[in-house]
Amino acid sequence: MDKYLIVGLGNPGDEYAQTRHNAGYMVLDAFAKASNTVFSDKRYGYVAETSLRGRKVFLLKPTTYMNLSGNAVRYWLTKENIDEKRLLVVSDDVALPLGQFRLKANGSNGGHNGLGHIQQLIGQNYARLRLGIGHDFPMGRQIDWVLGQFSAEELELLQPAIDLAVKMIPSFVLAGIDVTMNEFNKLGKKCQKQPESTSGSGQPESIKPDPSPSMPSRTDA
């Protein structure tokens, strides 16, 4: 049976729930709900399993904290003997307006710490789906922005992108990355744009380390 690994990046714990940096978690939660599956606390992450037309799909929300996400991804790829071409990572992106998204077959980490650590451990030849969280923050306050919670209005703007991301996952598994990019990326550009920033430069900075890396990685089974 062919296997696939779908990863939603984020930080574990109630204090990080509904934060902008946890957009990847939010997509996987929505997909798991739509698939009638639940997550279990396993080594390096919360893991759920489902199947799509004979293909086994593992859902992973790393509990290593964002800056060490590669540990979880590499472990589950190796454990289940999954090829990197069958890996899709979902993350937030401050360079995209709130509610927009972009799916790519490979590429750089774009300054994202989670993607950066994955790249260090397995390279950059894997698919990634970036969800825009906007950059309406003053100069020097990017960490506060990504670790801040979405407002009710922001969640409303983000929800269409989450809904489309839930549809992209089975397309990625069943039709492949090229077909999925061609079908969905044009929709990502049409999603709601955020208002112009009035609080600062409005330009995304290079992502600095989260305050969380000093916290221990989860290694319990």
Protein backbone atom coordinates (compact mmCIF):
# COMPACT_ATOMS: atom_id res chain seq x y z
CA MET A 1 0.00 0.00 0.00
CA ASP A 2 1.34 3.43 -0.95
CA LYS A 3 1.92 5.71 2.04
CA TYR A 4 1.81 9.49 2.39
CA LEU A 5 2.78 11.86 5.20
CA ILE A 6 0.89 15.13 5.65
CA VAL A 7 2.46 17.46 8.22
CA GLY A 8 0.90 20.54 9.79
CA LEU A 9 3.47 22.74 11.51
CA GLY A 10 2.81 24.46 14.81
CA ASN A 11 3.58 24.48 18.52
CA PRO A 12 1.89 22.15 21.03
CA GLY A 13 0.01 23.33 24.10
CA ASP A 14 -3.10 25.35 24.88
CA GLU A 15 -1.12 28.59 24.96
CA TYR A 16 -0.39 28.23 21.23
CA ALA A 17 -3.90 27.21 20.14
CA GLN A 18 -5.34 29.48 17.43
CA THR A 19 -2.05 31.36 17.02
CA ARG A 20 -0.90 32.40 13.56
CA HIS A 21 2.12 30.10 13.71
CA ASN A 22 -0.26 27.16 14.17
CA ALA A 23 -2.04 27.51 10.84
CA GLY A 24 -0.64 24.12 9.83
CA TYR A 25 -2.14 22.49 12.92
CA MET A 26 -5.48 24.09 12.06
CA VAL A 27 -5.52 22.60 8.57
CA LEU A 28 -4.75 19.10 9.83
CA ASP A 29 -7.40 19.39 12.55
CA ALA A 30 -9.95 20.32 9.88
CA PHE A 31 -8.88 17.47 7.59
CA ALA A 32 -8.95 14.95 10.44
CA LYS A 33 -12.47 16.05 11.37
CA ALA A 34 -13.61 15.74 7.76
CA SER A 35 -12.00 12.27 7.60
CA ASN A 36 -13.55 11.07 10.89
CA THR A 37 -10.16 10.29 12.39
CA VAL A 38 -8.55 11.40 15.65
CA PHE A 39 -5.00 12.16 16.73
CA SER A 40 -3.01 10.10 19.23
CA ASP A 41 -0.01 11.34 21.19
CA LYS A 42 2.95 9.41 19.76
CA ARG A 43 6.68 9.83 19.35
CA TYR A 44 7.55 13.37 18.25
CA GLY A 45 3.97 14.32 17.50
CA TYR A 46 0.22 13.90 17.39
CA VAL A 47 -0.50 11.32 14.71
CA ALA A 48 -3.67 10.19 12.95
CA GLU A 49 -4.21 7.74 10.11
CA THR A 50 -6.73 7.50 7.32
CA SER A 51 -6.92 6.01 3.83
CA LEU A 52 -7.83 7.34 0.40
CA ARG A 53 -8.64 4.79 -2.33
CA GLY A 54 -6.15 2.25 -1.07
CA ARG A 55 -3.48 4.78 -0.12
CA LYS A 56 -2.55 5.09 3.56
CA VAL A 57 -2.26 8.67 4.81
CA PHE A 58 -0.48 9.64 8.03
CA LEU A 59 -1.29 13.03 9.56
CA LEU A 60 1.40 14.53 11.78
CA LYS A 61 1.34 17.56 14.06
CA PRO A 62 4.90 17.74 15.48
CA THR A 63 5.22 18.27 19.23
CA THR A 64 8.92 19.15 18.98
CA TYR A 65 8.07 22.88 18.85
CA MET A 66 8.44 24.73 15.59
CA ASN A 67 12.21 25.10 15.39
CA LEU A 68 12.79 21.34 15.68
CA SER A 69 10.03 20.19 13.33
CA GLY A 70 12.51 18.30 11.16
CA ASN A 71 13.07 15.74 13.92
CA ALA A 72 9.44 14.66 13.76
CA VAL A 73 9.25 14.70 9.98
CA ARG A 74 12.43 12.67 9.50
CA TYR A 75 11.41 10.15 12.17
CA TRP A 76 7.98 9.41 10.65
CA LEU A 77 9.29 9.30 7.09
CA THR A 78 11.86 6.73 8.20
CA LYS A 79 9.55 4.75 10.48
CA GLU A 80 6.88 4.29 7.81
CA ASN A 81 9.34 4.13 4.88
CA ILE A 82 7.67 7.05 3.08
CA ASP A 83 9.38 8.67 0.11
CA GLU A 84 9.90 12.45 0.35
CA LYS A 85 7.90 12.86 -2.86
CA ARG A 86 4.89 11.72 -0.83
CA LEU A 87 5.39 14.32 1.87
CA LEU A 88 3.31 17.49 2.11
CA VAL A 89 4.07 20.11 4.78
CA VAL A 90 1.53 22.81 5.67
CA SER A 91 2.82 26.00 7.28
CA ASP A 92 2.02 29.65 7.92
CA ASP A 93 3.64 32.39 5.82
CA VAL A 94 3.98 36.07 6.76
CA ALA A 95 4.95 36.96 3.19
CA LEU A 96 1.46 36.09 1.92
CA PRO A 97 -1.62 38.22 2.66
CA LEU A 98 -4.01 36.79 5.19
CA GLY A 99 -6.18 34.09 3.64
CA GLN A 100 -4.11 33.54 0.50
CA PHE A 101 -2.08 30.37 -0.06
CA ARG A 102 0.54 28.88 -2.33
CA LEU A 103 1.39 25.25 -3.04
CA LYS A 104 4.88 24.37 -4.32
CA ALA A 105 6.58 21.10 -5.22
CA ASN A 106 9.88 22.15 -3.60
CA GLY A 107 11.94 25.23 -2.83
CA SER A 108 13.64 27.22 -0.10
CA ASN A 109 12.35 27.62 3.44
CA GLY A 110 11.57 31.30 2.90
CA GLY A 111 12.92 32.19 6.34
CA HIS A 112 10.45 29.92 8.13
CA ASN A 113 12.14 28.17 11.06
CA GLY A 114 10.06 25.00 10.86
CA LEU A 115 10.65 24.57 7.14
CA GLY A 116 14.28 25.51 7.69
CA HIS A 117 14.86 22.69 10.17
CA ILE A 118 13.12 20.19 7.90
CA GLN A 119 15.39 21.35 5.07
CA GLN A 120 18.47 20.83 7.24
CA LEU A 121 17.54 17.21 7.85
CA ILE A 122 15.96 15.98 4.60
CA GLY A 123 16.65 18.66 1.98
CA GLN A 124 14.12 20.81 0.16
CA ASN A 125 12.64 18.43 -2.42
CA TYR A 126 9.27 18.02 -0.77
CA ALA A 127 5.89 19.68 -1.33
CA ARG A 128 4.81 22.53 0.92
CA LEU A 129 1.56 24.46 1.28
CA ARG A 130 1.92 27.95 2.74
CA LEU A 131 -1.06 29.75 4.25
CA GLY A 132 -0.83 33.52 4.41
CA ILE A 133 -1.13 35.06 7.87
CA GLY A 134 -0.30 38.60 6.74
CA HIS A 135 2.30 40.99 8.10
CA ASP A 136 0.39 43.80 9.77
CA PHE A 137 2.95 44.37 12.53
CA PRO A 138 5.45 47.11 13.42
CA MET A 139 9.13 46.72 12.64
CA GLY A 140 10.77 44.29 15.05
CA ARG A 141 7.55 42.66 16.26
CA GLN A 142 7.34 39.65 13.97
CA ILE A 143 7.70 37.09 16.77
CA ASP A 144 4.82 38.68 18.66
CA TRP A 145 2.76 38.58 15.46
CA VAL A 146 3.29 34.92 14.57
CA LEU A 147 2.81 33.79 18.17
CA GLY A 148 -0.28 35.99 18.60
CA GLN A 149 -3.78 34.59 18.30
CA PHE A 150 -6.00 35.17 15.31
CA SER A 151 -8.87 37.56 15.91
CA ALA A 152 -12.40 36.43 15.10
CA GLU A 153 -12.31 38.59 11.97
CA GLU A 154 -8.99 37.09 10.87
CA LEU A 155 -10.27 33.55 11.37
CA GLU A 156 -13.22 34.39 9.17
CA LEU A 157 -10.85 35.53 6.40
CA LEU A 158 -8.63 32.47 6.86
CA GLN A 159 -11.40 29.86 6.85
CA PRO A 160 -11.84 29.68 3.03
CA ALA A 161 -8.12 28.88 2.68
CA ILE A 162 -8.41 26.15 5.33
CA ASP A 163 -11.42 24.69 3.54
CA LEU A 164 -9.50 24.60 0.25
CA ALA A 165 -6.44 23.11 1.97
CA VAL A 166 -8.63 20.25 3.19
CA LYS A 167 -9.54 19.58 -0.45
CA MET A 168 -5.92 19.86 -1.59
CA ILE A 169 -4.74 17.00 0.61
CA PRO A 170 -6.72 14.23 -1.17
CA SER A 171 -5.85 15.83 -4.50
CA PHE A 172 -2.15 15.68 -3.63
CA VAL A 173 -2.47 12.02 -2.63
CA LEU A 174 -4.63 10.88 -5.54
CA ALA A 175 -3.70 13.18 -8.43
CA GLY A 176 -0.19 14.34 -7.54
CA ILE A 177 1.50 17.66 -6.88
CA ASP A 178 1.44 19.05 -10.45
CA VAL A 179 -2.29 18.57 -10.96
CA THR A 180 -3.02 19.93 -7.50
CA MET A 181 -0.91 23.05 -8.06
CA ASN A 182 -2.56 23.74 -11.40
CA GLU A 183 -6.04 23.35 -9.96
CA PHE A 184 -5.69 25.18 -6.66
CA ASN A 185 -2.94 27.82 -6.84
CA LYS A 186 -5.09 30.09 -9.00
CA LEU A 187 -7.70 30.00 -6.22
CA GLY A 188 -5.11 30.93 -3.61
CA LYS A 189 -4.53 34.28 -5.28
CA LYS A 190 -8.24 35.08 -5.26
CA CYS A 191 -8.73 34.63 -1.53
CA GLN A 192 -9.45 37.64 0.67
CA LYS A 193 -6.59 40.09 1.05
CA GLN A 194 -5.93 41.83 4.35
CA PRO A 195 -6.19 45.63 4.69
CA GLU A 196 -3.05 47.69 4.19
CA SER A 197 -0.87 47.85 7.30
CA THR A 198 -1.07 51.05 9.33
CA SER A 199 0.96 49.95 12.34
CA GLY A 200 4.44 49.81 10.87
CA SER A 201 6.49 48.96 7.85
CA GLY A 202 4.23 46.05 6.98
CA GLN A 203 7.18 44.19 5.46
CA PRO A 204 7.93 40.66 6.63
CA GLU A 205 11.20 40.28 8.46
CA SER A 206 13.42 37.24 8.45
CA ILE A 207 11.86 34.83 10.95
CA LYS A 208 13.81 34.84 14.18
CA PRO A 209 13.90 31.82 16.49
CA ASP A 210 10.75 31.20 18.49
CA PRO A 211 11.16 31.44 22.24
CA SER A 212 10.21 27.77 22.45
CA PRO A 213 13.36 25.86 21.32
CA SER A 214 14.71 25.72 24.87
CA MET A 215 11.71 23.61 25.83
CA PRO A 216 12.34 19.85 25.67
CA SER A 217 11.35 17.82 22.63
CA ARG A 218 8.60 15.24 23.03
CA THR A 219 10.02 11.76 22.66
CA ASP A 220 7.46 9.61 24.46
CA ALA A 221 5.65 6.92 22.48
